[in-house]
Each structure stands twice: as C-alpha cells, then as structure tokens.
C-alpha cells in the first residue's frame, strides 16, 4: 500500500485517443507481431512526488476475425508526466483505442512554505 503523508492530495485525470490506424492503414491495423503505441501525458500541474497512475481502455475497435490482445500500462511516471503505453501482438488487428487515466498523489498546498 502506498501512504501519502502530505496534507494535500491531488487527482488529475484525462482521456486520449491513442491511435486510429484503420483510417490510414497504420501498423496496429495492418501489422502483425509485437506492436506498441507510446504517448507522453503531462499533468496539468506537477505533483510533489510521482503519483500513482491508473490507466484503462475506455473504447476499442477491433477486427472480429482475429484474437483481441491488449496490454495497457503507465510507465516512467514522474511528478510531471508519464508514458501511456498500449501493446498488442500476434495477428490482432486494432482499428483504434481510447484510454482513460487517473493520477493520485501529493501536491503542494497554498499554505505550504519552504524554509530553505
């Protein structure tokens, strides 16, 4: 369990279409084997320390003739940003993906002051 000792906890969230590869015959739609889509997401304001980030698929459009394989995760989380990463493999054909994310962590409070 992660404990946040800060008096102020911030929550930032968002939604992002990661790709629409069916529109331009992109690799997620036409390719096979290991494939990855990586996007940098910047927080609206920085946290005091790297937050806990949860990601999920909120919309996906796949070809019904192939197996649906998906892996979505947050990587390289810092106080200012993280990488939103989607992966697939094999013969999976994915037309498009939208991901939602939420970050929870300590933030600076307006009553905080730095002594040094």
N, C-alpha and C. Protein backbone atom coordinates (compact mmCIF):
# COMPACT_ATOMS: atom_id res chain seq x y z
N UNK A 1 0.85 -1.17 0.00
CA UNK A 1 0.00 0.00 0.00
C UNK A 1 0.90 1.23 0.00
N UNK A 2 0.53 2.21 -0.76
CA UNK A 2 1.25 3.48 -0.79
C UNK A 2 0.56 4.45 0.16
N UNK A 3 1.32 5.02 1.07
CA UNK A 3 0.78 6.00 2.01
C UNK A 3 1.25 7.38 1.59
N UNK A 4 0.31 8.32 1.56
CA UNK A 4 0.63 9.70 1.21
C UNK A 4 0.60 10.51 2.48
N UNK A 5 1.77 11.04 2.88
CA UNK A 5 1.86 11.77 4.14
C UNK A 5 1.55 13.25 3.97
N UNK A 6 1.35 13.70 2.77
CA UNK A 6 1.05 15.10 2.52
C UNK A 6 -0.35 15.46 3.01
N UNK A 7 -0.51 16.68 3.44
CA UNK A 7 -1.83 17.15 3.86
C UNK A 7 -2.73 17.39 2.65
N UNK A 8 -2.13 17.57 1.48
CA UNK A 8 -2.91 17.83 0.27
C UNK A 8 -2.68 16.72 -0.75
N UNK A 9 -3.76 16.13 -1.20
CA UNK A 9 -3.72 15.07 -2.21
C UNK A 9 -4.40 15.60 -3.46
N UNK A 10 -3.74 15.43 -4.60
CA UNK A 10 -4.30 15.88 -5.87
C UNK A 10 -4.72 14.72 -6.74
N UNK A 11 -5.72 14.96 -7.55
CA UNK A 11 -6.18 13.97 -8.52
C UNK A 11 -6.24 14.66 -9.88
N UNK A 12 -5.57 14.09 -10.85
CA UNK A 12 -5.62 14.58 -12.22
C UNK A 12 -6.12 13.42 -13.07
N UNK A 13 -6.86 13.71 -14.12
CA UNK A 13 -7.38 12.64 -14.96
C UNK A 13 -7.55 13.14 -16.38
N UNK A 14 -7.67 12.20 -17.30
CA UNK A 14 -7.85 12.57 -18.69
C UNK A 14 -8.22 11.38 -19.54
N UNK A 15 -8.41 11.66 -20.81
CA UNK A 15 -8.78 10.67 -21.80
C UNK A 15 -8.04 11.01 -23.09
N UNK A 16 -7.58 9.98 -23.80
CA UNK A 16 -6.82 10.23 -25.01
C UNK A 16 -7.04 9.11 -26.02
N UNK A 17 -7.30 9.49 -27.27
CA UNK A 17 -7.32 8.51 -28.35
C UNK A 17 -5.86 8.25 -28.69
N UNK A 18 -5.44 6.99 -28.57
CA UNK A 18 -4.04 6.66 -28.80
C UNK A 18 -3.72 6.52 -30.28
N UNK A 19 -4.64 5.98 -31.04
CA UNK A 19 -4.46 5.87 -32.49
C UNK A 19 -5.78 5.52 -33.14
N UNK A 20 -5.86 5.82 -34.43
CA UNK A 20 -6.98 5.42 -35.29
C UNK A 20 -6.37 4.84 -36.56
N UNK A 21 -5.74 3.69 -36.43
CA UNK A 21 -4.94 3.13 -37.51
C UNK A 21 -5.75 2.61 -38.69
N UNK A 22 -7.03 2.37 -38.53
CA UNK A 22 -7.83 1.92 -39.67
C UNK A 22 -7.96 3.04 -40.70
N UNK A 23 -7.87 4.28 -40.27
CA UNK A 23 -8.06 5.43 -41.16
C UNK A 23 -6.91 5.58 -42.15
N UNK A 24 -5.69 5.22 -41.74
CA UNK A 24 -4.53 5.41 -42.62
C UNK A 24 -3.67 4.14 -42.76
N UNK A 25 -4.31 2.99 -42.56
CA UNK A 25 -3.61 1.70 -42.68
C UNK A 25 -2.36 1.64 -41.81
N UNK A 26 -2.49 2.11 -40.57
CA UNK A 26 -1.38 2.09 -39.62
C UNK A 26 -1.04 0.69 -39.16
N UNK A 27 0.07 0.57 -38.47
CA UNK A 27 0.63 -0.72 -38.09
C UNK A 27 -0.26 -1.52 -37.13
N UNK A 28 -1.05 -0.87 -36.29
CA UNK A 28 -1.92 -1.62 -35.39
C UNK A 28 -3.05 -2.30 -36.16
N UNK A 29 -3.40 -1.77 -37.31
CA UNK A 29 -4.47 -2.33 -38.13
C UNK A 29 -3.93 -3.30 -39.18
N UNK A 30 -2.79 -3.00 -39.77
CA UNK A 30 -2.28 -3.82 -40.88
C UNK A 30 -1.13 -4.72 -40.49
N UNK A 31 -0.48 -4.45 -39.35
CA UNK A 31 0.71 -5.20 -38.97
C UNK A 31 0.40 -6.48 -38.23
N UNK A 32 1.46 -7.17 -37.86
CA UNK A 32 1.34 -8.38 -37.03
C UNK A 32 2.59 -8.45 -36.15
N UNK A 33 2.53 -9.35 -35.18
CA UNK A 33 3.65 -9.45 -34.25
C UNK A 33 3.56 -8.39 -33.17
N UNK A 34 4.66 -8.18 -32.46
CA UNK A 34 4.70 -7.21 -31.37
C UNK A 34 4.60 -5.79 -31.91
N UNK A 35 3.67 -5.02 -31.34
CA UNK A 35 3.48 -3.61 -31.72
C UNK A 35 3.22 -2.79 -30.47
N UNK A 36 3.62 -1.51 -30.51
CA UNK A 36 3.48 -0.65 -29.35
C UNK A 36 3.11 0.77 -29.79
N UNK A 37 2.27 1.40 -28.99
CA UNK A 37 1.91 2.81 -29.15
C UNK A 37 2.20 3.49 -27.83
N UNK A 38 3.06 4.53 -27.84
CA UNK A 38 3.53 5.18 -26.61
C UNK A 38 3.27 6.68 -26.73
N UNK A 39 2.69 7.25 -25.66
CA UNK A 39 2.35 8.68 -25.64
C UNK A 39 2.75 9.28 -24.30
N UNK A 40 3.34 10.47 -24.34
CA UNK A 40 3.69 11.17 -23.11
C UNK A 40 2.47 12.00 -22.68
N UNK A 41 2.07 11.83 -21.43
CA UNK A 41 0.96 12.59 -20.86
C UNK A 41 1.54 13.49 -19.78
N UNK A 42 1.33 14.79 -19.92
CA UNK A 42 1.80 15.76 -18.93
C UNK A 42 0.65 16.12 -17.99
N UNK A 43 0.93 16.15 -16.69
CA UNK A 43 -0.08 16.52 -15.72
C UNK A 43 -0.37 18.02 -15.82
N UNK A 44 -1.58 18.40 -15.46
CA UNK A 44 -1.98 19.81 -15.51
C UNK A 44 -1.08 20.68 -14.64
N UNK A 45 -0.67 20.14 -13.49
CA UNK A 45 0.33 20.77 -12.63
C UNK A 45 1.12 19.65 -11.98
N UNK A 46 2.38 19.90 -11.63
CA UNK A 46 3.19 18.81 -11.09
C UNK A 46 2.75 18.38 -9.69
N UNK A 47 2.96 17.11 -9.42
CA UNK A 47 2.78 16.57 -8.08
C UNK A 47 4.07 16.81 -7.29
N UNK A 48 4.04 16.61 -6.00
CA UNK A 48 5.26 16.74 -5.17
C UNK A 48 6.19 15.55 -5.37
N UNK A 49 5.63 14.42 -5.72
CA UNK A 49 6.37 13.17 -5.95
C UNK A 49 5.60 12.40 -7.02
N UNK A 50 6.21 11.40 -7.63
CA UNK A 50 5.48 10.62 -8.63
C UNK A 50 4.17 10.07 -8.05
N UNK A 51 3.06 10.32 -8.72
CA UNK A 51 1.77 9.84 -8.24
C UNK A 51 1.54 8.37 -8.62
N UNK A 52 0.50 7.80 -8.07
CA UNK A 52 0.02 6.50 -8.54
C UNK A 52 -0.87 6.77 -9.75
N UNK A 53 -0.62 6.06 -10.84
CA UNK A 53 -1.35 6.28 -12.09
C UNK A 53 -2.07 5.00 -12.48
N UNK A 54 -3.37 5.13 -12.75
CA UNK A 54 -4.18 4.02 -13.22
C UNK A 54 -4.61 4.32 -14.66
N UNK A 55 -4.53 3.34 -15.53
CA UNK A 55 -4.96 3.50 -16.91
C UNK A 55 -5.94 2.39 -17.27
N UNK A 56 -6.83 2.70 -18.21
CA UNK A 56 -7.78 1.69 -18.67
C UNK A 56 -8.19 1.99 -20.10
N UNK A 57 -8.66 0.98 -20.77
CA UNK A 57 -9.19 1.16 -22.13
C UNK A 57 -10.64 1.59 -21.99
N UNK A 58 -10.99 2.73 -22.55
CA UNK A 58 -12.36 3.21 -22.47
C UNK A 58 -13.11 3.01 -23.79
N UNK A 59 -12.38 2.75 -24.87
CA UNK A 59 -13.01 2.42 -26.16
C UNK A 59 -11.98 1.66 -26.98
N UNK A 60 -12.45 0.56 -27.57
CA UNK A 60 -11.58 -0.10 -28.55
C UNK A 60 -12.40 -0.71 -29.65
N UNK A 61 -11.80 -0.70 -30.82
CA UNK A 61 -12.44 -1.16 -32.04
C UNK A 61 -11.48 -2.17 -32.66
N UNK A 62 -11.89 -3.44 -32.67
CA UNK A 62 -11.00 -4.49 -33.17
C UNK A 62 -11.67 -5.28 -34.29
N UNK A 63 -10.86 -5.98 -35.04
CA UNK A 63 -11.33 -6.86 -36.09
C UNK A 63 -11.86 -8.14 -35.44
N UNK A 64 -13.07 -8.55 -35.79
CA UNK A 64 -13.67 -9.73 -35.17
C UNK A 64 -13.08 -11.05 -35.68
N UNK A 65 -12.26 -10.98 -36.73
CA UNK A 65 -11.69 -12.20 -37.30
C UNK A 65 -10.39 -12.64 -36.62
N UNK A 66 -9.84 -11.80 -35.75
CA UNK A 66 -8.58 -12.12 -35.08
C UNK A 66 -8.76 -12.06 -33.57
N UNK A 67 -7.83 -12.63 -32.86
CA UNK A 67 -7.87 -12.59 -31.40
C UNK A 67 -7.65 -11.16 -30.90
N UNK A 68 -8.38 -10.78 -29.87
CA UNK A 68 -8.21 -9.46 -29.26
C UNK A 68 -7.17 -9.58 -28.14
N UNK A 69 -6.02 -8.96 -28.34
CA UNK A 69 -4.93 -8.98 -27.36
C UNK A 69 -4.56 -7.55 -27.02
N UNK A 70 -4.50 -7.23 -25.74
CA UNK A 70 -4.20 -5.85 -25.35
C UNK A 70 -3.46 -5.81 -24.03
N UNK A 71 -2.52 -4.91 -23.95
CA UNK A 71 -1.80 -4.63 -22.71
C UNK A 71 -1.68 -3.11 -22.63
N UNK A 72 -2.19 -2.50 -21.56
CA UNK A 72 -2.11 -1.05 -21.40
C UNK A 72 -1.53 -0.76 -20.02
N UNK A 73 -0.61 0.20 -19.96
CA UNK A 73 0.07 0.48 -18.71
C UNK A 73 0.61 1.91 -18.67
N UNK A 74 0.94 2.36 -17.48
CA UNK A 74 1.64 3.63 -17.28
C UNK A 74 3.09 3.29 -16.96
N UNK A 75 4.01 3.91 -17.67
CA UNK A 75 5.44 3.68 -17.44
C UNK A 75 6.14 5.02 -17.25
N UNK A 76 7.32 4.99 -16.67
CA UNK A 76 8.16 6.18 -16.50
C UNK A 76 7.40 7.32 -15.82
N UNK A 77 6.72 7.01 -14.74
CA UNK A 77 5.92 8.01 -14.02
C UNK A 77 6.85 8.93 -13.24
N UNK A 78 6.69 10.24 -13.45
CA UNK A 78 7.42 11.25 -12.69
C UNK A 78 6.39 12.20 -12.08
N UNK A 79 6.85 13.19 -11.36
CA UNK A 79 5.95 14.17 -10.77
C UNK A 79 5.27 15.04 -11.83
N UNK A 80 5.84 15.09 -13.05
CA UNK A 80 5.32 15.96 -14.11
C UNK A 80 4.60 15.24 -15.25
N UNK A 81 4.90 13.94 -15.45
CA UNK A 81 4.35 13.25 -16.62
C UNK A 81 4.49 11.74 -16.47
N UNK A 82 3.91 11.02 -17.44
CA UNK A 82 4.09 9.58 -17.54
C UNK A 82 3.92 9.16 -18.98
N UNK A 83 4.34 7.94 -19.29
CA UNK A 83 4.15 7.38 -20.63
C UNK A 83 2.93 6.46 -20.58
N UNK A 84 1.99 6.72 -21.44
CA UNK A 84 0.81 5.87 -21.59
C UNK A 84 1.14 4.90 -22.73
N UNK A 85 1.21 3.60 -22.41
CA UNK A 85 1.72 2.61 -23.36
C UNK A 85 0.67 1.54 -23.63
N UNK A 86 0.40 1.32 -24.92
CA UNK A 86 -0.50 0.26 -25.35
C UNK A 86 0.31 -0.71 -26.20
N UNK A 87 0.13 -2.01 -25.95
CA UNK A 87 0.83 -3.04 -26.72
C UNK A 87 -0.16 -4.10 -27.18
N UNK A 88 0.15 -4.67 -28.33
CA UNK A 88 -0.57 -5.84 -28.82
C UNK A 88 0.42 -6.75 -29.52
N UNK A 89 0.00 -7.94 -29.92
CA UNK A 89 0.90 -8.90 -30.52
C UNK A 89 0.11 -9.89 -31.34
N UNK A 90 0.83 -10.77 -32.01
CA UNK A 90 0.20 -11.82 -32.82
C UNK A 90 -0.52 -11.24 -34.02
N UNK A 91 -1.65 -11.84 -34.35
CA UNK A 91 -2.42 -11.41 -35.53
C UNK A 91 -3.50 -10.38 -35.20
N UNK A 92 -3.51 -9.87 -33.98
CA UNK A 92 -4.54 -8.91 -33.55
C UNK A 92 -4.55 -7.68 -34.46
N UNK A 93 -5.75 -7.28 -34.85
CA UNK A 93 -5.93 -6.07 -35.68
C UNK A 93 -6.79 -5.09 -34.89
N UNK A 94 -6.20 -3.95 -34.57
CA UNK A 94 -6.90 -2.95 -33.77
C UNK A 94 -7.06 -1.69 -34.59
N UNK A 95 -8.30 -1.29 -34.77
CA UNK A 95 -8.59 -0.08 -35.56
C UNK A 95 -8.29 1.18 -34.77
N UNK A 96 -8.74 1.22 -33.51
CA UNK A 96 -8.48 2.40 -32.68
C UNK A 96 -8.67 2.07 -31.21
N UNK A 97 -8.04 2.90 -30.39
CA UNK A 97 -8.07 2.74 -28.94
C UNK A 97 -8.19 4.12 -28.30
N UNK A 98 -9.05 4.21 -27.29
CA UNK A 98 -9.06 5.40 -26.42
C UNK A 98 -8.77 4.92 -25.00
N UNK A 99 -7.91 5.64 -24.31
CA UNK A 99 -7.54 5.27 -22.94
C UNK A 99 -7.91 6.39 -21.98
N UNK A 100 -8.37 6.01 -20.80
CA UNK A 100 -8.62 6.96 -19.70
C UNK A 100 -7.55 6.72 -18.65
N UNK A 101 -7.18 7.78 -17.93
CA UNK A 101 -6.18 7.66 -16.89
C UNK A 101 -6.55 8.54 -15.70
N UNK A 102 -6.01 8.15 -14.53
CA UNK A 102 -6.19 8.94 -13.31
C UNK A 102 -4.90 8.84 -12.50
N UNK A 103 -4.43 10.00 -12.03
CA UNK A 103 -3.24 10.07 -11.20
C UNK A 103 -3.63 10.64 -9.83
N UNK A 104 -3.13 9.98 -8.78
CA UNK A 104 -3.42 10.41 -7.41
C UNK A 104 -2.10 10.49 -6.66
N UNK A 105 -1.85 11.67 -6.07
CA UNK A 105 -0.61 11.82 -5.34
C UNK A 105 -0.54 13.11 -4.56
N UNK A 106 0.57 13.30 -3.85
CA UNK A 106 0.72 14.50 -3.04
C UNK A 106 0.96 15.74 -3.90
N UNK A 107 0.33 16.85 -3.52
CA UNK A 107 0.52 18.12 -4.22
C UNK A 107 0.87 19.21 -3.21
N UNK A 108 1.46 20.26 -3.71
CA UNK A 108 1.80 21.39 -2.86
C UNK A 108 0.53 22.14 -2.50
N UNK A 109 0.40 22.48 -1.24
CA UNK A 109 -0.75 23.24 -0.76
C UNK A 109 -0.37 24.72 -0.72
N UNK A 110 -1.35 25.59 -0.89
CA UNK A 110 -1.06 27.03 -0.87
C UNK A 110 -0.55 27.48 0.51
N UNK A 111 -0.80 26.72 1.54
CA UNK A 111 -0.31 27.05 2.88
C UNK A 111 1.09 26.49 3.15
N UNK A 112 1.63 25.68 2.24
CA UNK A 112 2.99 25.15 2.41
C UNK A 112 4.00 26.27 2.18
N UNK A 113 5.09 26.23 2.93
CA UNK A 113 6.17 27.16 2.68
C UNK A 113 7.49 26.45 2.84
N UNK A 114 8.41 26.87 2.03
CA UNK A 114 9.74 26.27 2.05
C UNK A 114 10.66 27.09 2.93
N UNK A 115 11.33 26.43 3.86
CA UNK A 115 12.25 27.12 4.75
C UNK A 115 13.62 27.33 4.11
N UNK A 116 14.01 26.41 3.24
CA UNK A 116 15.36 26.52 2.65
C UNK A 116 15.28 26.35 1.16
